[in-house]
Each structure stands twice: as C-alpha cells, then as structure tokens.
Amino acid sequence: MRLTPLLLAFPFAAMVTAASAQESPWTWSGQATVVSDYRDRGYTLSDEKPALQGELTLIHQSGFYGGVWASTIDDYGIGPDGDGARVEVTLYAGWYGVVSGWDVDIGVWDNRYPDGTDVDYVEFPVQIGRSIGPAAWTLGVIYAPSQTGLGDEDNTYLWTRVDYAPTTWPVSLSATLGHEDGGFAPDGKIDWKLAAERAIGPGTLGLAWVDSDTEDSAVVLSLGVGF
C-alpha cells in the first residue's frame, strides 16, 4: 500500500470523534471499493485493469489505530516457479491526533505480496495537516529503509495534498503532488493527481486524473461503499 485515502487527516478525525462519542473506547470502519485502474503514486499496479479493494480499521479514542488493506494487482514478484502475487495486502498501525492545532498521523505499513518472491517491504508514513473552513492542506513523507523487497535500497516519497469540500457543493475536490526517489524510482519521479468525489447514498463515486513523468496518464473511476 502506498497512499490511501484512509490515511488522510479528514477520515481519521471523523472516526476518532465518533469513537469518543460512544460508550466503548473502540470503534471500527470498513470500506469496499472497485477502481477502473489501481494507480498508486502514478504507477499502475493492475496493468491498467479494474481492481477490487477492501479495508478494515479499528480505532481507539486515544487516537491509536490498526487495520488491514488489500487490493487485487497484476502479477508481481514472479519467482522461479512462474508464480507471482495477485493480491497486495497491507497491515498497518499508527496514531492520529492534534498537536498545537495541527492534525498529525504517524504509522507503520507492512506491505505483503502472497506468492511473490522477495518483494515484501515495510514503510513508515508521517503526515501533518491543517483545515481552514472547507479547505485542508496535508504534507506527508513515507520512508522505507533499505530491505530485500526494495532491492536493498531505501525509498522516500514526499507528497502534499489540498482538499476543498464546501458543504453546499455536491462534490469534493482534491489535488495531490508527489516526488519519489529510491528503490521504486532510482532516477527520481514526480507524480500528480486531480480528483473529484461525490457521495451517493452509502457510497462514494470518484473520478481522478493521474499522471507522472514516468508513465502515461489515466482517468480512473472508483466506487466505494463504507460499512
């Protein structure tokens, strides 16, 4: 897992608030999503084909959380036996809270690829953000130390995102810009995304334009349902 909407400040703030309002200090949330192309940091991980994704998260009112995220992918980490991973699974944990008026999220991601050969790796994401009315700004870095799954290289992804979601608008807008350097981008890479989302009953319909300086651009449709 690279950069998922759940790890942005807005959703976690809402979930932690909901947990605090209940008798139990714990609450959980889940989401199932279908996307026309699994694009992550500009790369297609599903060979430009549709992918199914799902997530479950358990949150404590103190801000600590943990969960699992998964997506179907194109063959990855093909070994001598000719088999590779067709599913990406991320186990994650972290803490979300407000520090001096800033939304702060610190975590660890354990990215696993069942049946893949020497491609599992661990990342450490950190992000801060602040909201002003209907707008929010987030800055984050995801660092992966040198390990076998990265070809014995480290990797750093620095990104920033702006969200705009007026309550009177039928859609919310976002723009993301990222720079990656290391095992996943030896020569450095810049990627960007413009997206719009609209709530439809219990679901969310999304439309995004994704591009980078290393891969062709793509228009990605998504439909997610929370539970």
Protein backbone atom coordinates (compact mmCIF):
# COMPACT_ATOMS: atom_id res chain seq x y z
CA MET A 1 0.00 0.00 0.00
CA ARG A 2 1.38 3.39 -0.90
CA LEU A 3 -1.02 6.28 -0.36
CA THR A 4 -4.65 5.53 0.54
CA PRO A 5 -7.49 7.93 1.32
CA LEU A 6 -8.00 6.40 4.76
CA LEU A 7 -4.64 7.70 5.93
CA LEU A 8 -5.55 11.30 5.21
CA ALA A 9 -6.49 13.57 8.09
CA PHE A 10 -10.19 14.12 7.30
CA PRO A 11 -11.42 10.50 7.62
CA PHE A 12 -9.42 9.77 10.76
CA ALA A 13 -10.61 12.93 12.50
CA ALA A 14 -14.20 11.86 11.90
CA MET A 15 -13.62 8.30 13.12
CA VAL A 16 -11.80 9.35 16.29
CA THR A 17 -14.58 11.82 17.11
CA ALA A 18 -17.19 9.11 16.58
CA ALA A 19 -15.32 6.74 18.87
CA SER A 20 -15.14 9.37 21.62
CA ALA A 21 -18.91 9.84 21.48
CA GLN A 22 -19.65 6.16 22.13
CA GLU A 23 -19.55 4.23 25.38
CA SER A 24 -16.84 1.91 24.13
CA PRO A 25 -13.40 3.47 23.58
CA TRP A 26 -13.11 1.41 20.37
CA THR A 27 -14.84 1.78 17.03
CA TRP A 28 -14.25 0.29 13.61
CA SER A 29 -14.92 1.13 10.00
CA GLY A 30 -14.69 -0.68 6.68
CA GLN A 31 -14.85 0.05 3.00
CA ALA A 32 -15.10 -1.93 -0.23
CA THR A 33 -14.07 -0.25 -3.48
CA VAL A 34 -13.83 -1.06 -7.17
CA VAL A 35 -11.50 1.04 -9.34
CA SER A 36 -11.05 1.07 -13.11
CA ASP A 37 -7.25 1.08 -12.65
CA TYR A 38 -5.24 0.71 -9.43
CA ARG A 39 -2.92 3.71 -9.71
CA ASP A 40 -0.50 4.40 -6.88
CA ARG A 41 1.94 7.33 -6.98
CA GLY A 42 1.34 7.49 -10.72
CA TYR A 43 2.14 3.81 -11.36
CA THR A 44 -0.47 1.31 -12.50
CA LEU A 45 -0.32 -1.77 -10.28
CA SER A 46 -3.17 -3.57 -12.03
CA ASP A 47 -1.84 -3.30 -15.61
CA GLU A 48 -4.48 -0.63 -16.37
CA LYS A 49 -7.25 -3.11 -15.50
CA PRO A 50 -10.01 -2.87 -12.86
CA ALA A 51 -9.16 -3.82 -9.28
CA LEU A 52 -11.11 -4.72 -6.16
CA GLN A 53 -10.02 -3.19 -2.85
CA GLY A 54 -11.11 -3.52 0.76
CA GLU A 55 -10.17 -2.15 4.15
CA LEU A 56 -10.97 -2.69 7.84
CA THR A 57 -9.75 -0.34 10.59
CA LEU A 58 -10.04 -0.46 14.38
CA ILE A 59 -9.66 2.88 16.16
CA HIS A 60 -9.24 3.73 19.85
CA GLN A 61 -10.49 7.05 21.19
CA SER A 62 -6.91 7.88 22.21
CA GLY A 63 -6.04 8.08 18.50
CA PHE A 64 -4.27 4.73 18.13
CA TYR A 65 -5.47 2.61 15.22
CA GLY A 66 -4.71 -0.55 13.31
CA GLY A 67 -6.10 -2.34 10.30
CA VAL A 68 -5.69 -4.20 7.06
CA TRP A 69 -5.99 -3.04 3.45
CA ALA A 70 -5.93 -5.20 0.31
CA SER A 71 -6.16 -4.86 -3.46
CA THR A 72 -6.01 -7.12 -6.47
CA ILE A 73 -2.93 -6.40 -8.61
CA ASP A 74 -1.16 -7.58 -11.74
CA ASP A 75 1.40 -10.40 -11.26
CA TYR A 76 4.17 -9.09 -9.02
CA GLY A 77 7.32 -10.72 -7.69
CA ILE A 78 7.26 -13.65 -10.10
CA GLY A 79 9.62 -16.36 -8.86
CA PRO A 80 11.42 -19.31 -10.49
CA ASP A 81 8.17 -21.29 -10.29
CA GLY A 82 6.45 -18.75 -12.54
CA ASP A 83 4.03 -17.66 -9.81
CA GLY A 84 3.67 -14.13 -8.54
CA ALA A 85 1.44 -12.20 -6.19
CA ARG A 86 -2.03 -11.28 -7.43
CA VAL A 87 -3.01 -9.52 -4.22
CA GLU A 88 -1.36 -6.72 -2.27
CA VAL A 89 -2.03 -6.78 1.49
CA THR A 90 -1.01 -4.07 3.94
CA LEU A 91 -1.14 -4.43 7.71
CA TYR A 92 -0.89 -1.02 9.35
CA ALA A 93 -0.91 0.68 12.75
CA GLY A 94 -0.36 4.20 13.99
CA TRP A 95 -1.57 7.18 15.97
CA TYR A 96 -3.64 10.17 14.91
CA GLY A 97 -4.09 13.32 16.99
CA VAL A 98 -3.99 17.10 17.11
CA VAL A 99 -0.72 18.73 18.17
CA SER A 100 -0.60 22.53 18.52
CA GLY A 101 -3.51 22.89 16.12
CA TRP A 102 -2.05 20.51 13.52
CA ASP A 103 -3.51 17.13 12.55
CA VAL A 104 -0.69 14.59 12.96
CA ASP A 105 -0.64 10.98 11.75
CA ILE A 106 2.32 8.64 12.39
CA GLY A 107 2.28 4.99 11.40
CA VAL A 108 3.92 1.87 10.02
CA TRP A 109 2.84 -0.15 6.97
CA ASP A 110 3.77 -3.80 6.43
CA ASN A 111 3.24 -4.43 2.71
CA ARG A 112 2.92 -8.10 1.79
CA TYR A 113 2.54 -9.91 -1.53
CA PRO A 114 1.39 -13.53 -1.08
CA ASP A 115 3.17 -15.87 -3.56
CA GLY A 116 5.52 -13.05 -4.55
CA THR A 117 9.27 -13.65 -4.26
CA ASP A 118 11.36 -11.22 -2.15
CA VAL A 119 9.01 -8.25 -2.62
CA ASP A 120 7.54 -7.66 0.88
CA TYR A 121 8.64 -4.40 2.48
CA VAL A 122 7.91 -2.04 5.39
CA GLU A 123 7.26 1.72 5.21
CA PHE A 124 6.92 4.47 7.82
CA PRO A 125 4.45 7.26 6.92
CA VAL A 126 4.28 10.61 8.74
CA GLN A 127 1.93 13.45 7.86
CA ILE A 128 0.68 16.77 9.19
CA GLY A 129 -2.30 18.81 8.08
CA ARG A 130 -4.50 21.76 8.90
CA SER A 131 -8.05 22.73 7.96
CA ILE A 132 -9.34 26.23 7.25
CA GLY A 133 -13.08 26.25 6.63
CA PRO A 134 -13.88 23.90 3.74
CA ALA A 135 -10.22 23.60 2.73
CA ALA A 136 -7.48 21.37 4.12
CA TRP A 137 -3.77 21.06 3.40
CA THR A 138 -1.68 17.97 4.14
CA LEU A 139 2.06 17.33 3.87
CA GLY A 140 3.49 13.86 4.27
CA VAL A 141 6.55 11.69 3.84
CA ILE A 142 6.70 7.89 3.50
CA TYR A 143 10.11 6.37 4.18
CA ALA A 144 11.12 2.77 3.52
CA PRO A 145 14.56 1.71 4.84
CA SER A 146 16.86 -0.48 2.76
CA GLN A 147 15.47 -4.03 2.59
CA THR A 148 15.23 -7.03 0.27
CA GLY A 149 11.80 -6.05 -1.09
CA LEU A 150 13.32 -2.80 -2.39
CA GLY A 151 16.41 -4.36 -3.93
CA ASP A 152 18.45 -3.45 -0.85
CA GLU A 153 17.73 0.24 -1.43
CA ASP A 154 15.79 2.73 0.66
CA ASN A 155 12.90 4.80 -0.74
CA THR A 156 11.40 8.18 0.09
CA TYR A 157 8.08 9.58 -1.11
CA LEU A 158 7.29 13.22 -0.28
CA TRP A 159 3.79 14.42 -1.06
CA THR A 160 1.35 17.26 -0.47
CA ARG A 161 -2.41 17.40 -0.96
CA VAL A 162 -5.07 20.12 -0.95
CA ASP A 163 -8.74 19.26 -0.34
CA TYR A 164 -11.71 21.55 -0.91
CA ALA A 165 -15.15 20.38 0.22
CA PRO A 166 -17.78 23.12 0.80
CA THR A 167 -20.90 21.71 2.46
CA THR A 168 -23.06 23.37 -0.21
CA TRP A 169 -21.21 21.64 -3.07
CA PRO A 170 -22.34 18.26 -4.41
CA VAL A 171 -18.69 17.22 -4.90
CA SER A 172 -15.38 17.49 -3.05
CA LEU A 173 -12.15 18.28 -4.90
CA SER A 174 -8.51 17.39 -4.24
CA ALA A 175 -5.11 17.87 -5.83
CA THR A 176 -2.02 15.81 -4.93
CA LEU A 177 1.62 16.28 -5.90
CA GLY A 178 4.38 13.82 -5.01
CA HIS A 179 8.08 13.19 -5.51
CA GLU A 180 9.70 9.76 -5.11
CA ASP A 181 13.34 8.73 -5.03
CA GLY A 182 15.00 5.41 -4.18
CA GLY A 183 14.25 1.75 -4.79
CA PHE A 184 10.94 2.42 -6.57
CA ALA A 185 12.30 5.40 -8.54
CA PRO A 186 16.11 5.20 -8.97
CA ASP A 187 16.17 8.28 -11.22
CA GLY A 188 13.56 10.20 -9.24
CA LYS A 189 9.91 10.63 -10.20
CA ILE A 190 7.20 13.27 -9.95
CA ASP A 191 3.51 12.37 -9.97
CA TRP A 192 0.28 14.31 -9.61
CA LYS A 193 -3.45 13.71 -9.33
CA LEU A 194 -6.62 15.77 -9.63
CA ALA A 195 -9.74 14.16 -8.22
CA ALA A 196 -13.43 14.77 -7.52
CA GLU A 197 -15.75 12.71 -5.33
CA ARG A 198 -19.48 12.67 -4.74
CA ALA A 199 -21.46 10.84 -2.08
CA ILE A 200 -24.27 8.70 -3.47
CA GLY A 201 -26.30 7.13 -0.67
CA PRO A 202 -23.94 4.89 1.33
CA GLY A 203 -21.33 5.01 -1.44
CA THR A 204 -18.81 7.43 -2.91
CA LEU A 205 -18.27 7.91 -6.63
CA GLY A 206 -14.84 9.18 -7.65
CA LEU A 207 -13.21 10.48 -10.82
CA ALA A 208 -9.46 11.18 -10.96
CA TRP A 209 -6.84 12.15 -13.50
CA VAL A 210 -3.50 10.57 -12.60
CA ASP A 211 -0.17 11.31 -14.28
CA SER A 212 3.59 11.20 -13.72
CA ASP A 213 6.81 11.87 -15.61
CA THR A 214 7.44 8.14 -15.99
CA GLU A 215 4.07 6.66 -17.06
CA ASP A 216 1.16 7.61 -19.30
CA SER A 217 -1.70 9.49 -17.69
CA ALA A 218 -5.01 7.81 -16.88
CA VAL A 219 -8.55 8.69 -15.93
CA VAL A 220 -9.62 6.48 -13.03
CA LEU A 221 -13.19 5.81 -11.95
CA SER A 222 -13.93 4.46 -8.47
CA LEU A 223 -16.96 3.42 -6.47
CA GLY A 224 -16.62 2.75 -2.76
CA VAL A 225 -19.12 1.69 -0.11
CA GLY A 226 -18.44 2.18 3.58
CA PHE A 227 -19.75 -0.04 6.36
